[in-house]
């Protein structure tokens, strides 16, 4: 005997959604945006004339990430 299990009924309006105030989201958005820009700099531009650190240490740490993201490095 095959029995089907019906999914629970969902109200037509959908689940109740509590809106997030912009004041709660904005500091996190700025923080993660700044973090992403710093990471993009180190992966994409930390080499040559714009380098902050001397030597090739940072380049070697992010070398595979550079190729993965399409940045040329050699």
PDB file of N, CA and C in Angstrom:
ATOM      1  N   UNK A   1       0.832  -1.172   0.000  1.00  0.00           N
ATOM      2  CA  UNK A   1       0.000   0.000   0.000  1.00  0.00           C
ATOM      3  C   UNK A   1       0.881   1.240   0.000  1.00  0.00           C
ATOM      4  N   UNK A   2       0.717   2.044  -1.010  1.00  0.00           N
ATOM      5  CA  UNK A   2       1.488   3.276  -1.112  1.00  0.00           C
ATOM      6  C   UNK A   2       0.706   4.412  -0.477  1.00  0.00           C
ATOM      7  N   UNK A   3       1.345   5.096   0.425  1.00  0.00           N
ATOM      8  CA  UNK A   3       0.709   6.243   1.063  1.00  0.00           C
ATOM      9  C   UNK A   3       1.544   7.477   0.762  1.00  0.00           C
ATOM     10  N   UNK A   4       0.874   8.554   0.474  1.00  0.00           N
ATOM     11  CA  UNK A   4       1.601   9.798   0.230  1.00  0.00           C
ATOM     12  C   UNK A   4       1.526  10.665   1.479  1.00  0.00           C
ATOM     13  N   UNK A   5       2.603  11.354   1.710  1.00  0.00           N
ATOM     14  CA  UNK A   5       2.650  12.261   2.856  1.00  0.00           C
ATOM     15  C   UNK A   5       2.529  13.672   2.305  1.00  0.00           C
ATOM     16  N   UNK A   6       1.487  14.347   2.691  1.00  0.00           N
ATOM     17  CA  UNK A   6       1.252  15.703   2.207  1.00  0.00           C
ATOM     18  C   UNK A   6       2.139  16.685   2.961  1.00  0.00           C
ATOM     19  N   UNK A   7       2.701  17.668   2.256  1.00  0.00           N
ATOM     20  CA  UNK A   7       3.511  18.673   2.949  1.00  0.00           C
ATOM     21  C   UNK A   7       2.624  19.539   3.832  1.00  0.00           C
ATOM     22  N   UNK A   8       3.205  20.141   4.854  1.00  0.00           N
ATOM     23  CA  UNK A   8       2.400  20.992   5.723  1.00  0.00           C
ATOM     24  C   UNK A   8       1.838  22.176   4.943  1.00  0.00           C
ATOM     25  N   UNK A   9       0.688  22.620   5.349  1.00  0.00           N
ATOM     26  CA  UNK A   9       0.031  23.733   4.672  1.00  0.00           C
ATOM     27  C   UNK A   9       0.813  25.027   4.918  1.00  0.00           C
ATOM     28  N   UNK A  10       0.991  25.789   3.852  1.00  0.00           N
ATOM     29  CA  UNK A  10       1.693  27.068   3.946  1.00  0.00           C
ATOM     30  C   UNK A  10       0.658  28.155   3.692  1.00  0.00           C
ATOM     31  N   UNK A  11       0.691  29.165   4.520  1.00  0.00           N
ATOM     32  CA  UNK A  11      -0.290  30.237   4.361  1.00  0.00           C
ATOM     33  C   UNK A  11      -0.015  30.986   3.058  1.00  0.00           C
ATOM     34  N   UNK A  12      -1.035  31.531   2.412  1.00  0.00           N
ATOM     35  CA  UNK A  12      -0.845  32.239   1.144  1.00  0.00           C
ATOM     36  C   UNK A  12       0.072  33.458   1.278  1.00  0.00           C
ATOM     37  N   UNK A  13       0.122  34.054   2.441  1.00  0.00           N
ATOM     38  CA  UNK A  13       0.969  35.230   2.638  1.00  0.00           C
ATOM     39  C   UNK A  13       2.428  34.850   2.851  1.00  0.00           C
ATOM     40  N   UNK A  14       2.712  33.593   3.109  1.00  0.00           N
ATOM     41  CA  UNK A  14       4.081  33.153   3.350  1.00  0.00           C
ATOM     42  C   UNK A  14       4.461  33.355   4.806  1.00  0.00           C
ATOM     43  N   UNK A  15       5.691  32.977   5.150  1.00  0.00           N
ATOM     44  CA  UNK A  15       6.126  33.153   6.538  1.00  0.00           C
ATOM     45  C   UNK A  15       6.300  34.633   6.872  1.00  0.00           C
ATOM     46  N   UNK A  16       6.162  34.925   8.134  1.00  0.00           N
ATOM     47  CA  UNK A  16       6.324  36.304   8.591  1.00  0.00           C
ATOM     48  C   UNK A  16       7.796  36.700   8.487  1.00  0.00           C
ATOM     49  N   UNK A  17       8.067  37.839   7.884  1.00  0.00           N
ATOM     50  CA  UNK A  17       9.426  38.329   7.685  1.00  0.00           C
ATOM     51  C   UNK A  17       9.600  39.605   8.494  1.00  0.00           C
ATOM     52  N   UNK A  18      10.625  39.606   9.325  1.00  0.00           N
ATOM     53  CA  UNK A  18      10.927  40.790  10.120  1.00  0.00           C
ATOM     54  C   UNK A  18      11.972  41.604   9.373  1.00  0.00           C
ATOM     55  N   UNK A  19      11.686  42.835   9.001  1.00  0.00           N
ATOM     56  CA  UNK A  19      12.667  43.639   8.268  1.00  0.00           C
ATOM     57  C   UNK A  19      13.841  44.038   9.160  1.00  0.00           C
ATOM     58  N   UNK A  20      15.026  44.092   8.551  1.00  0.00           N
ATOM     59  CA  UNK A  20      16.213  44.530   9.272  1.00  0.00           C
ATOM     60  C   UNK A  20      16.383  46.026   9.062  1.00  0.00           C
ATOM     61  N   UNK A  21      16.603  46.768  10.124  1.00  0.00           N
ATOM     62  CA  UNK A  21      16.828  48.207   9.944  1.00  0.00           C
ATOM     63  C   UNK A  21      18.199  48.456   9.307  1.00  0.00           C
ATOM     64  N   UNK A  22      18.281  49.500   8.499  1.00  0.00           N
ATOM     65  CA  UNK A  22      19.528  49.833   7.817  1.00  0.00           C
ATOM     66  C   UNK A  22      20.646  50.134   8.806  1.00  0.00           C
ATOM     67  N   UNK A  23      20.297  50.701   9.948  1.00  0.00           N
ATOM     68  CA  UNK A  23      21.321  51.016  10.961  1.00  0.00           C
ATOM     69  C   UNK A  23      21.993  49.765  11.511  1.00  0.00           C
ATOM     70  N   UNK A  24      21.321  48.617  11.453  1.00  0.00           N
ATOM     71  CA  UNK A  24      21.912  47.369  11.931  1.00  0.00           C
ATOM     72  C   UNK A  24      22.785  46.719  10.859  1.00  0.00           C
ATOM     73  N   UNK A  25      22.466  46.948   9.596  1.00  0.00           N
ATOM     74  CA  UNK A  25      23.177  46.289   8.501  1.00  0.00           C
ATOM     75  C   UNK A  25      24.357  47.116   7.997  1.00  0.00           C
ATOM     76  N   UNK A  26      24.241  48.422   8.003  1.00  0.00           N
ATOM     77  CA  UNK A  26      25.249  49.292   7.400  1.00  0.00           C
ATOM     78  C   UNK A  26      26.664  49.114   7.961  1.00  0.00           C
ATOM     79  N   UNK A  27      26.872  49.044   9.279  1.00  0.00           N
ATOM     80  CA  UNK A  27      28.253  48.847   9.761  1.00  0.00           C
ATOM     81  C   UNK A  27      28.864  47.538   9.275  1.00  0.00           C
ATOM     82  N   UNK A  28      28.079  46.466   9.219  1.00  0.00           N
ATOM     83  CA  UNK A  28      28.590  45.187   8.738  1.00  0.00           C
ATOM     84  C   UNK A  28      28.885  45.239   7.251  1.00  0.00           C
ATOM     85  N   UNK A  29      28.051  45.925   6.481  1.00  0.00           N
ATOM     86  CA  UNK A  29      28.287  46.053   5.047  1.00  0.00           C
ATOM     87  C   UNK A  29      29.566  46.846   4.779  1.00  0.00           C
ATOM     88  N   UNK A  30      29.795  47.907   5.536  1.00  0.00           N
ATOM     89  CA  UNK A  30      31.024  48.695   5.377  1.00  0.00           C
ATOM     90  C   UNK A  30      32.239  47.865   5.774  1.00  0.00           C
ATOM     91  N   UNK A  31      32.145  47.127   6.870  1.00  0.00           N
ATOM     92  CA  UNK A  31      33.254  46.292   7.329  1.00  0.00           C
ATOM     93  C   UNK A  31      33.629  45.234   6.293  1.00  0.00           C
ATOM     94  N   UNK A  32      32.631  44.483   5.806  1.00  0.00           N
ATOM     95  CA  UNK A  32      32.922  43.426   4.839  1.00  0.00           C
ATOM     96  C   UNK A  32      33.329  44.002   3.491  1.00  0.00           C
ATOM     97  N   UNK A  33      32.788  45.150   3.105  1.00  0.00           N
ATOM     98  CA  UNK A  33      33.224  45.792   1.871  1.00  0.00           C
ATOM     99  C   UNK A  33      34.677  46.210   1.940  1.00  0.00           C
ATOM    100  N   UNK A  34      35.085  46.803   3.056  1.00  0.00           N
ATOM    101  CA  UNK A  34      36.480  47.196   3.253  1.00  0.00           C
ATOM    102  C   UNK A  34      37.390  45.970   3.278  1.00  0.00           C
ATOM    103  N   UNK A  35      36.959  44.930   3.960  1.00  0.00           N
ATOM    104  CA  UNK A  35      37.740  43.693   4.019  1.00  0.00           C
ATOM    105  C   UNK A  35      37.920  43.098   2.627  1.00  0.00           C
ATOM    106  N   UNK A  36      36.876  43.104   1.826  1.00  0.00           N
ATOM    107  CA  UNK A  36      36.974  42.564   0.468  1.00  0.00           C
ATOM    108  C   UNK A  36      37.908  43.411  -0.399  1.00  0.00           C
ATOM    109  N   UNK A  37      37.880  44.734  -0.233  1.00  0.00           N
ATOM    110  CA  UNK A  37      38.796  45.582  -0.994  1.00  0.00           C
ATOM    111  C   UNK A  37      40.251  45.338  -0.606  1.00  0.00           C
ATOM    112  N   UNK A  38      40.516  45.145   0.680  1.00  0.00           N
ATOM    113  CA  UNK A  38      41.879  44.855   1.134  1.00  0.00           C
ATOM    114  C   UNK A  38      42.339  43.507   0.584  1.00  0.00           C
ATOM    115  N   UNK A  39      41.472  42.509   0.633  1.00  0.00           N
ATOM    116  CA  UNK A  39      41.838  41.198   0.092  1.00  0.00           C
ATOM    117  C   UNK A  39      42.058  41.267  -1.413  1.00  0.00           C
ATOM    118  N   UNK A  40      41.206  42.012  -2.115  1.00  0.00           N
ATOM    119  CA  UNK A  40      41.383  42.163  -3.553  1.00  0.00           C
ATOM    120  C   UNK A  40      42.704  42.851  -3.866  1.00  0.00           C
ATOM    121  N   UNK A  41      43.095  43.835  -3.058  1.00  0.00           N
ATOM    122  CA  UNK A  41      44.391  44.494  -3.264  1.00  0.00           C
ATOM    123  C   UNK A  41      45.528  43.488  -3.104  1.00  0.00           C
ATOM    124  N   UNK A  42      45.499  42.723  -2.020  1.00  0.00           N
ATOM    125  CA  UNK A  42      46.608  41.802  -1.778  1.00  0.00           C
ATOM    126  C   UNK A  42      46.679  40.710  -2.828  1.00  0.00           C
ATOM    127  N   UNK A  43      45.546  40.244  -3.303  1.00  0.00           N
ATOM    128  CA  UNK A  43      45.567  39.203  -4.318  1.00  0.00           C
ATOM    129  C   UNK A  43      45.901  39.782  -5.684  1.00  0.00           C
ATOM    130  N   UNK A  44      45.370  40.949  -6.004  1.00  0.00           N
ATOM    131  CA  UNK A  44      45.501  41.464  -7.353  1.00  0.00           C
ATOM    132  C   UNK A  44      46.615  42.448  -7.600  1.00  0.00           C
ATOM    133  N   UNK A  45      47.032  43.217  -6.608  1.00  0.00           N
ATOM    134  CA  UNK A  45      47.965  44.303  -6.887  1.00  0.00           C
ATOM    135  C   UNK A  45      49.210  44.302  -6.019  1.00  0.00           C
ATOM    136  N   UNK A  46      49.335  43.428  -5.078  1.00  0.00           N
ATOM    137  CA  UNK A  46      50.501  43.426  -4.179  1.00  0.00           C
ATOM    138  C   UNK A  46      51.684  42.800  -4.901  1.00  0.00           C
ATOM    139  N   UNK A  47      52.235  43.585  -5.808  1.00  0.00           N
ATOM    140  CA  UNK A  47      53.402  43.139  -6.559  1.00  0.00           C
ATOM    141  C   UNK A  47      53.924  44.331  -7.335  1.00  0.00           C
ATOM    142  N   UNK A  48      55.188  44.496  -7.393  1.00  0.00           N
ATOM    143  CA  UNK A  48      55.768  45.543  -8.220  1.00  0.00           C
ATOM    144  C   UNK A  48      55.724  46.919  -7.593  1.00  0.00           C
ATOM    145  N   UNK A  49      55.374  47.930  -8.392  1.00  0.00           N
ATOM    146  CA  UNK A  49      55.454  49.322  -7.970  1.00  0.00           C
ATOM    147  C   UNK A  49      54.459  49.670  -6.866  1.00  0.00           C
ATOM    148  N   UNK A  50      53.347  48.964  -6.777  1.00  0.00           N
ATOM    149  CA  UNK A  50      52.341  49.300  -5.768  1.00  0.00           C
ATOM    150  C   UNK A  50      52.469  48.470  -4.500  1.00  0.00           C
ATOM    151  N   UNK A  51      53.531  47.707  -4.360  1.00  0.00           N
ATOM    152  CA  UNK A  51      53.633  46.802  -3.209  1.00  0.00           C
ATOM    153  C   UNK A  51      53.853  47.565  -1.907  1.00  0.00           C
ATOM    154  N   UNK A  52      53.190  47.098  -0.870  1.00  0.00           N
ATOM    155  CA  UNK A  52      53.328  47.666   0.463  1.00  0.00           C
ATOM    156  C   UNK A  52      54.482  46.989   1.193  1.00  0.00           C
ATOM    157  N   UNK A  53      54.614  45.687   0.983  1.00  0.00           N
ATOM    158  CA  UNK A  53      55.665  44.903   1.636  1.00  0.00           C
ATOM    159  C   UNK A  53      56.745  44.558   0.622  1.00  0.00           C
ATOM    160  N   UNK A  54      57.997  44.627   1.050  1.00  0.00           N
ATOM    161  CA  UNK A  54      59.083  44.267   0.142  1.00  0.00           C
ATOM    162  C   UNK A  54      59.214  42.749   0.076  1.00  0.00           C
ATOM    163  N   UNK A  55      59.813  42.282  -0.995  1.00  0.00           N
ATOM    164  CA  UNK A  55      59.993  40.852  -1.172  1.00  0.00           C
ATOM    165  C   UNK A  55      58.795  40.222  -1.870  1.00  0.00           C
ATOM    166  N   UNK A  56      58.826  38.901  -1.956  1.00  0.00           N
ATOM    167  CA  UNK A  56      57.795  38.171  -2.685  1.00  0.00           C
ATOM    168  C   UNK A  56      56.946  37.307  -1.757  1.00  0.00           C
ATOM    169  N   UNK A  57      56.992  37.550  -0.466  1.00  0.00           N
ATOM    170  CA  UNK A  57      56.256  36.707   0.480  1.00  0.00           C
ATOM    171  C   UNK A  57      54.754  36.733   0.281  1.00  0.00           C
ATOM    172  N   UNK A  58      54.177  37.939   0.161  1.00  0.00           N
ATOM    173  CA  UNK A  58      52.737  38.048  -0.035  1.00  0.00           C
ATOM    174  C   UNK A  58      52.351  37.448  -1.381  1.00  0.00           C
ATOM    175  N   UNK A  59      53.163  37.692  -2.398  1.00  0.00           N
ATOM    176  CA  UNK A  59      52.888  37.133  -3.717  1.00  0.00           C
ATOM    177  C   UNK A  59      52.839  35.613  -3.669  1.00  0.00           C
ATOM    178  N   UNK A  60      53.745  35.004  -2.965  1.00  0.00           N
ATOM    179  CA  UNK A  60      53.767  33.545  -2.888  1.00  0.00           C
ATOM    180  C   UNK A  60      52.561  32.995  -2.127  1.00  0.00           C
ATOM    181  N   UNK A  61      52.098  33.716  -1.116  1.00  0.00           N
ATOM    182  CA  UNK A  61      50.935  33.258  -0.343  1.00  0.00           C
ATOM    183  C   UNK A  61      49.653  33.313  -1.162  1.00  0.00           C
ATOM    184  N   UNK A  62      49.534  34.298  -2.044  1.00  0.00           N
ATOM    185  CA  UNK A  62      48.290  34.462  -2.797  1.00  0.00           C
ATOM    186  C   UNK A  62      48.446  34.058  -4.266  1.00  0.00           C
ATOM    187  N   UNK A  63      49.533  33.388  -4.616  1.00  0.00           N
ATOM    188  CA  UNK A  63      49.834  33.055  -6.001  1.00  0.00           C
ATOM    189  C   UNK A  63      48.721  32.259  -6.672  1.00  0.00           C
ATOM    190  N   UNK A  64      48.248  31.198  -6.063  1.00  0.00           N
ATOM    191  CA  UNK A  64      47.203  30.377  -6.673  1.00  0.00           C
ATOM    192  C   UNK A  64      45.886  31.140  -6.766  1.00  0.00           C
ATOM    193  N   UNK A  65      45.604  31.976  -5.772  1.00  0.00           N
ATOM    194  CA  UNK A  65      44.397  32.793  -5.817  1.00  0.00           C
ATOM    195  C   UNK A  65      44.440  33.792  -6.962  1.00  0.00           C
ATOM    196  N   UNK A  66      45.618  34.298  -7.266  1.00  0.00           N
ATOM    197  CA  UNK A  66      45.764  35.223  -8.397  1.00  0.00           C
ATOM    198  C   UNK A  66      45.365  34.537  -9.696  1.00  0.00           C
ATOM    199  N   UNK A  67      45.861  33.322  -9.903  1.00  0.00           N
ATOM    200  CA  UNK A  67      45.519  32.600 -11.119  1.00  0.00           C
ATOM    201  C   UNK A  67      44.038  32.226 -11.146  1.00  0.00           C
ATOM    202  N   UNK A  68      43.496  31.836 -10.015  1.00  0.00           N
ATOM    203  CA  UNK A  68      42.089  31.458  -9.938  1.00  0.00           C
ATOM    204  C   UNK A  68      41.186  32.618 -10.313  1.00  0.00           C
ATOM    205  N   UNK A  69      41.549  33.839  -9.898  1.00  0.00           N
ATOM    206  CA  UNK A  69      40.743  35.018 -10.182  1.00  0.00           C
ATOM    207  C   UNK A  69      41.107  35.677 -11.509  1.00  0.00           C
ATOM    208  N   UNK A  70      42.099  35.150 -12.209  1.00  0.00           N
ATOM    209  CA  UNK A  70      42.442  35.663 -13.534  1.00  0.00           C
ATOM    210  C   UNK A  70      43.446  36.792 -13.560  1.00  0.00           C
ATOM    211  N   UNK A  71      44.161  37.030 -12.469  1.00  0.00           N
ATOM    212  CA  UNK A  71      45.182  38.069 -12.456  1.00  0.00           C
ATOM    213  C   UNK A  71      46.487  37.501 -13.004  1.00  0.00           C
ATOM    214  N   UNK A  72      47.117  38.182 -13.949  1.00  0.00           N
ATOM    215  CA  UNK A  72      48.417  37.696 -14.427  1.00  0.00           C
ATOM    216  C   UNK A  72      49.505  38.022 -13.415  1.00  0.00           C
ATOM    217  N   UNK A  73      50.468  37.158 -13.284  1.00  0.00           N
ATOM    218  CA  UNK A  73      51.540  37.457 -12.332  1.00  0.00           C
ATOM    219  C   UNK A  73      52.902  37.043 -12.848  1.00  0.00           C
ATOM    220  N   UNK A  74      52.993  36.292 -13.920  1.00  0.00           N
ATOM    221  CA  UNK A  74      54.307  35.953 -14.494  1.00  0.00           C
ATOM    222  C   UNK A  74      54.157  35.522 -15.911  1.00  0.00           C
TER     223      UNK A  74
END
